Structures are given as C-alpha cells and as structure tokens.
Amino acid sequence: MTKKIAVLTGAGISTSAGIPDFRGPDGVWTKHPDQMSVYDIDAFLNDKEAREYSWRWQKESPVWNAQPGAAHKALVKLEKAGMLTLLATQNFDALHEKAGNSPDIIVNLHGTIGTSHCMKCHAEYNTADIMAKLDEEPDPRCHRLLKYKGNMPCNGMIKTDVVYFGEALPDGAMEKSYSLATKADELWVIGSTLEVMPAASIVPVAAQAGVPITIMNMGRTQYDRLATRLIHDDIAVALPKLVDETIAENS
C-alpha cells in the first residue's frame, strides 16, 4: 500500500526560497507593523489610496517575484510518487503551484496572490495580467462587459485572492484539510510556527485521529508535544532528504 502523506506548510518553506516571513524576529510585520494595513479589507474597500498602496506593495514584494526552492520541488517529487494527498499551505505566494504541485491537492488556507477576482461580478483574473498594467491602472477595475447593462464595463474593484484581515478563509478550505489530514498515514508540518488559527488546528485534529505527526521547523511550536518526530534542520536540505527517504522506504 502506498503511504498517504498530508502536508501543512508555513512561512519557513518560503524563507528557504528567499521570501522574508511576516511574523518572525526579522519579519516584515515585526519590523514595519504599519504594513499590516496592506492586507486590511476595510481600508482596501473604503480608501482609494490604501487600495493603490496595497497593489503597489504586493507587486514590489518579494512574494510576487519569488521562485520555488529545493523544498517546494521536493513536495512535487512526493506527489509524483503518488504519496502526497494534501498540501495545505498558510502561504499565499503561489510557490507550490509554480513548483508544479497540482491544484487538486493544494489548499490555500490564506488564499493566493496568483489569482484575483472582481468584488462585484466575481470575474476571475490572472494577477500577472493586472500587475503588468498596474502603472496605467493603479486602482485596477473590472473590464468585463455586462450584457444585462447594455455591454457597459462592470467597473467593480479587483482584489487579489489573498485572505485579508477581516475576511473569512476560502470556502471549504479547513473542512477539506481536516478530512484529508485525518485520513492520512502521516502529517508533516513544514516551516510553520503553528500560531495562526484556524490553520494550526489541523495538527491537534490529526493527532486526535491517531495520525503520526512530523514537525520540521527551526524554532519550537506549541504542538511539539504532539509530534512523533521533530526536525530542527534547514528545510531546504532536510525536506528533500525526508522525501527521498520516505519514497525509498515505500518502494
């Protein structure tokens, strides 16, 4: 029987690919708490300047230009081996998609910067297309022609699919994560401090279902006591090694 592995990733897998985290000692928000407002839904909806700043900041952020690292690629290898059943991520950098993991198993708990949508008619956009025209249109609007309005453009506000402060998590994201994590043979937590709820609750839910847990993180987490294996090594090295060992054991 092929082993089924559920994975939860946090900022640590992306810091290994060169993206600064938000909440760590050198985190973006730790050093610049004012920048948390970039992802504040009320400011975004009610203030044109805040909206323009949010878009500009996201375009210039390392999140937008980052490339997947060795750890991201290792999870693609795990999926190709038929062992990865869930890739729930707290990151919204779309690096798991860029690396080549399939959207069927990725659950973007905090949304994703890869896609955007109109807040009025819900039309979907590729964020890259909007970023390419941001100089001409700093407060992006929906250009979809509405038949029922005599083909007038919708003109609704466009927002990235990142979950902003004050917004709900994507529909069904936690339910799918709980369901697949509790049915897995193992749950691996990669680079998450497990501080942000409800994402972190996947760990105690899986533990209660008797699923063995591996936590790979540089620092301690509040759920270390639930882990059967703790790995405090460099994720860019330790995860590819763990993936190779796991595939070898299962072949």
Protein backbone atom coordinates (compact mmCIF):
# COMPACT_ATOMS: atom_id res chain seq x y z
CA MET A 1 0.00 0.00 0.00
CA THR A 2 1.32 3.43 -0.93
CA LYS A 3 1.68 5.59 2.16
CA LYS A 4 -0.60 8.66 2.22
CA ILE A 5 1.08 11.82 3.46
CA ALA A 6 -0.70 15.08 4.28
CA VAL A 7 1.46 18.21 4.48
CA LEU A 8 0.89 21.62 6.09
CA THR A 9 3.38 24.31 5.06
CA GLY A 10 4.08 27.70 6.62
CA ALA A 11 6.42 30.65 6.09
CA GLY A 12 9.55 28.58 6.80
CA ILE A 13 9.36 26.70 3.49
CA SER A 14 9.30 30.04 1.64
CA THR A 15 12.03 31.74 3.71
CA SER A 16 14.20 28.86 2.46
CA ALA A 17 13.39 30.20 -1.04
CA GLY A 18 14.25 33.78 -0.13
CA ILE A 19 10.90 35.25 0.95
CA PRO A 20 11.09 37.06 4.30
CA ASP A 21 8.42 35.87 6.73
CA PHE A 22 5.85 38.23 8.24
CA ARG A 23 5.82 37.37 11.94
CA GLY A 24 9.33 36.12 12.80
CA PRO A 25 12.01 38.21 14.61
CA ASP A 26 13.09 39.70 11.27
CA GLY A 27 9.59 39.54 9.81
CA VAL A 28 8.10 42.23 7.60
CA TRP A 29 5.32 42.99 10.09
CA THR A 30 7.60 42.73 13.13
CA LYS A 31 9.83 45.46 11.71
CA HIS A 32 7.09 47.50 9.98
CA PRO A 33 3.79 46.97 11.85
CA ASP A 34 2.20 49.73 9.74
CA GLN A 35 2.47 47.46 6.70
CA MET A 36 -0.11 45.04 8.12
CA SER A 37 -2.66 47.54 6.77
CA VAL A 38 -1.69 46.43 3.24
CA TYR A 39 -3.93 43.43 3.91
CA ASP A 40 -6.74 45.19 5.77
CA ILE A 41 -10.07 44.64 4.00
CA ASP A 42 -11.81 47.74 5.41
CA ALA A 43 -9.01 50.06 4.31
CA PHE A 44 -8.96 48.36 0.89
CA LEU A 45 -12.70 48.77 0.34
CA ASN A 46 -13.03 52.31 1.64
CA ASP A 47 -9.88 54.16 0.68
CA LYS A 48 -8.56 54.55 -2.88
CA GLU A 49 -5.06 55.46 -1.64
CA ALA A 50 -4.95 52.37 0.57
CA ARG A 51 -6.02 50.24 -2.40
CA GLU A 52 -3.35 51.68 -4.67
CA TYR A 53 -0.73 51.22 -1.93
CA SER A 54 -1.84 47.61 -1.37
CA TRP A 55 -1.49 46.78 -5.06
CA ARG A 56 1.87 48.55 -5.42
CA TRP A 57 3.24 46.90 -2.27
CA GLN A 58 2.19 43.44 -3.45
CA LYS A 59 3.79 43.99 -6.85
CA GLU A 60 7.10 45.10 -5.30
CA SER A 61 7.04 42.46 -2.55
CA PRO A 62 9.46 39.51 -2.80
CA VAL A 63 6.33 37.31 -2.60
CA TRP A 64 5.42 38.28 -6.16
CA ASN A 65 8.81 37.64 -7.77
CA ALA A 66 9.92 34.61 -5.75
CA GLN A 67 10.77 31.26 -7.31
CA PRO A 68 10.22 27.84 -5.71
CA GLY A 69 13.17 26.43 -3.77
CA ALA A 70 14.50 22.89 -3.21
CA ALA A 71 11.89 22.24 -0.51
CA HIS A 72 8.98 23.15 -2.83
CA LYS A 73 10.42 20.89 -5.53
CA ALA A 74 10.73 18.02 -3.04
CA LEU A 75 6.96 18.12 -2.47
CA VAL A 76 6.40 17.86 -6.24
CA LYS A 77 8.56 14.71 -6.15
CA LEU A 78 6.45 13.34 -3.28
CA GLU A 79 3.28 13.96 -5.29
CA LYS A 80 4.74 12.30 -8.40
CA ALA A 81 5.49 9.26 -6.24
CA GLY A 82 1.73 9.09 -5.55
CA MET A 83 2.15 9.74 -1.82
CA LEU A 84 1.03 13.34 -1.31
CA THR A 85 -2.72 13.51 -0.65
CA LEU A 86 -2.97 17.04 0.81
CA LEU A 87 -0.81 20.15 0.56
CA ALA A 88 -2.45 22.69 2.85
CA THR A 89 -0.47 25.92 2.98
CA GLN A 90 -0.61 29.05 5.11
CA ASN A 91 1.45 30.85 2.45
CA PHE A 92 -0.21 32.89 -0.28
CA ASP A 93 2.88 33.15 -2.51
CA ALA A 94 1.61 30.54 -5.05
CA LEU A 95 5.04 28.83 -4.96
CA HIS A 96 3.55 25.33 -4.65
CA GLU A 97 1.66 25.97 -7.91
CA LYS A 98 4.79 27.46 -9.54
CA ALA A 99 6.82 24.42 -8.45
CA GLY A 100 4.36 22.08 -10.16
CA ASN A 101 2.12 20.60 -7.46
CA SER A 102 -1.39 20.02 -8.78
CA PRO A 103 -4.20 22.39 -7.75
CA ASP A 104 -6.30 19.33 -6.80
CA ILE A 105 -4.22 18.66 -3.70
CA ILE A 106 -3.24 22.25 -2.81
CA VAL A 107 -5.45 24.01 -0.27
CA ASN A 108 -4.53 27.71 0.02
CA LEU A 109 -5.75 28.31 3.57
CA HIS A 110 -4.94 32.03 3.40
CA GLY A 111 -5.73 32.43 -0.29
CA THR A 112 -3.24 33.05 -3.08
CA ILE A 113 -1.63 36.01 -4.83
CA GLY A 114 -1.62 34.06 -8.12
CA THR A 115 -5.25 34.86 -8.94
CA SER A 116 -7.56 37.83 -8.39
CA HIS A 117 -11.28 38.50 -8.72
CA CYS A 118 -13.78 41.29 -9.18
CA MET A 119 -15.55 42.03 -5.91
CA LYS A 120 -18.74 42.99 -7.77
CA CYS A 121 -19.33 40.42 -10.54
CA HIS A 122 -16.78 37.81 -9.29
CA ALA A 123 -14.96 37.63 -12.66
CA GLU A 124 -11.61 35.84 -12.25
CA TYR A 125 -8.27 37.34 -13.28
CA ASN A 126 -4.70 36.18 -13.53
CA THR A 127 -2.84 38.51 -11.14
CA ALA A 128 0.16 38.66 -13.52
CA ASP A 129 -2.03 40.38 -16.14
CA ILE A 130 -3.09 43.03 -13.63
CA MET A 131 0.45 43.58 -12.34
CA ALA A 132 1.61 44.10 -15.95
CA LYS A 133 -0.79 47.04 -16.34
CA LEU A 134 -0.51 48.48 -12.83
CA ASP A 135 1.31 51.64 -13.99
CA GLU A 136 -1.60 52.52 -16.31
CA GLU A 137 -4.27 51.38 -13.84
CA PRO A 138 -3.04 51.73 -10.23
CA ASP A 139 -6.55 51.05 -8.83
CA PRO A 140 -7.49 48.04 -11.00
CA ARG A 141 -11.09 47.79 -12.15
CA CYS A 142 -13.10 45.03 -13.82
CA HIS A 143 -13.44 45.49 -17.59
CA ARG A 144 -15.87 42.65 -18.10
CA LEU A 145 -18.74 43.79 -20.33
CA LEU A 146 -22.12 43.16 -18.71
CA LYS A 147 -24.76 42.10 -21.25
CA TYR A 148 -27.61 43.00 -18.91
CA LYS A 149 -26.22 46.54 -18.67
CA GLY A 150 -26.03 47.16 -22.39
CA ASN A 151 -22.42 45.89 -22.57
CA MET A 152 -21.18 48.54 -20.14
CA PRO A 153 -17.97 47.55 -18.28
CA CYS A 154 -18.60 46.20 -14.76
CA ASN A 155 -16.03 48.60 -13.20
CA GLY A 156 -16.01 46.65 -9.88
CA MET A 157 -12.92 46.69 -7.65
CA ILE A 158 -10.40 43.92 -8.27
CA LYS A 159 -8.60 42.28 -5.34
CA THR A 160 -6.03 39.50 -5.17
CA ASP A 161 -7.27 36.21 -3.74
CA VAL A 162 -5.10 36.64 -0.64
CA VAL A 163 -7.26 36.46 2.51
CA TYR A 164 -7.11 39.94 4.03
CA PHE A 165 -7.52 40.70 7.73
CA GLY A 166 -11.26 40.83 8.34
CA GLU A 167 -12.11 38.28 5.59
CA ALA A 168 -13.21 34.67 6.03
CA LEU A 169 -10.99 31.78 4.91
CA PRO A 170 -11.82 30.31 1.49
CA ASP A 171 -14.97 28.19 1.48
CA GLY A 172 -14.39 24.58 2.49
CA ALA A 173 -10.61 25.00 2.94
CA MET A 174 -10.49 23.90 6.58
CA GLU A 175 -13.04 21.11 6.08
CA LYS A 176 -11.03 19.61 3.20
CA SER A 177 -7.80 19.91 5.22
CA TYR A 178 -9.28 18.23 8.32
CA SER A 179 -10.79 15.46 6.23
CA LEU A 180 -7.60 14.58 4.31
CA ALA A 181 -5.26 15.08 7.28
CA THR A 182 -7.24 12.68 9.48
CA LYS A 183 -7.29 10.03 6.70
CA ALA A 184 -3.53 10.22 6.04
CA ASP A 185 -0.87 7.79 7.31
CA GLU A 186 1.31 10.73 8.37
CA LEU A 187 1.01 14.51 8.72
CA TRP A 188 4.10 16.62 8.08
CA VAL A 189 4.23 20.23 9.25
CA ILE A 190 6.91 22.13 7.33
CA GLY A 191 8.06 25.58 8.44
CA SER A 192 5.02 26.66 10.45
CA THR A 193 5.16 28.16 13.94
CA LEU A 194 1.58 26.83 14.36
CA GLU A 195 0.49 30.10 15.94
CA VAL A 196 -2.14 31.21 13.43
CA MET A 197 -5.61 29.76 13.83
CA PRO A 198 -7.58 28.03 12.47
CA ALA A 199 -4.81 26.62 10.21
CA ALA A 200 -2.75 25.37 13.20
CA SER A 201 -5.72 23.35 14.49
CA ILE A 202 -5.12 20.77 11.73
CA VAL A 203 -2.36 19.36 13.98
CA PRO A 204 -4.41 18.53 17.12
CA VAL A 205 -7.30 17.30 14.93
CA ALA A 206 -4.96 14.87 13.12
CA ALA A 207 -3.28 13.84 16.40
CA GLN A 208 -6.66 13.01 17.90
CA ALA A 209 -7.35 10.77 14.91
CA GLY A 210 -4.12 8.89 15.70
CA VAL A 211 -2.11 10.22 12.75
CA PRO A 212 1.67 10.33 13.46
CA ILE A 213 2.99 13.88 13.13
CA THR A 214 6.36 15.20 11.95
CA ILE A 215 7.15 18.85 12.69
CA MET A 216 10.04 20.35 10.73
CA ASN A 217 10.68 23.89 11.92
CA MET A 218 13.73 25.85 13.10
CA GLY A 219 12.00 27.04 16.28
CA ARG A 220 9.68 25.37 18.76
CA THR A 221 5.91 25.24 18.21
CA GLN A 222 3.02 24.96 20.65
CA TYR A 223 2.24 21.45 19.36
CA ASP A 224 5.73 19.89 19.59
CA ARG A 225 4.41 17.57 22.33
CA LEU A 226 2.00 16.02 19.79
CA ALA A 227 4.79 15.20 17.32
CA THR A 228 6.30 11.76 16.93
CA ARG A 229 9.27 13.31 15.12
CA LEU A 230 10.81 16.79 15.45
CA ILE A 231 13.31 18.07 12.88
CA HIS A 232 15.12 21.36 13.58
CA ASP A 233 17.32 21.45 10.47
CA ASP A 234 17.49 23.70 7.41
CA ILE A 235 14.27 22.95 5.50
CA ALA A 236 15.91 23.35 2.07
CA VAL A 237 18.16 20.39 2.95
CA ALA A 238 16.04 18.41 5.44
CA LEU A 239 12.82 18.18 3.41
CA PRO A 240 14.35 16.82 0.17
CA LYS A 241 16.18 14.27 2.37
CA LEU A 242 12.97 13.26 4.18
CA VAL A 243 11.10 12.94 0.86
CA ASP A 244 13.83 10.74 -0.67
CA GLU A 245 13.95 8.50 2.43
CA THR A 246 10.16 8.17 2.51
CA ILE A 247 9.92 7.29 -1.19
CA ALA A 248 12.76 4.72 -0.80
CA GLU A 249 11.06 3.08 2.20
CA ASN A 250 7.82 2.80 0.27
CA SER A 251 9.21 1.39 -2.98
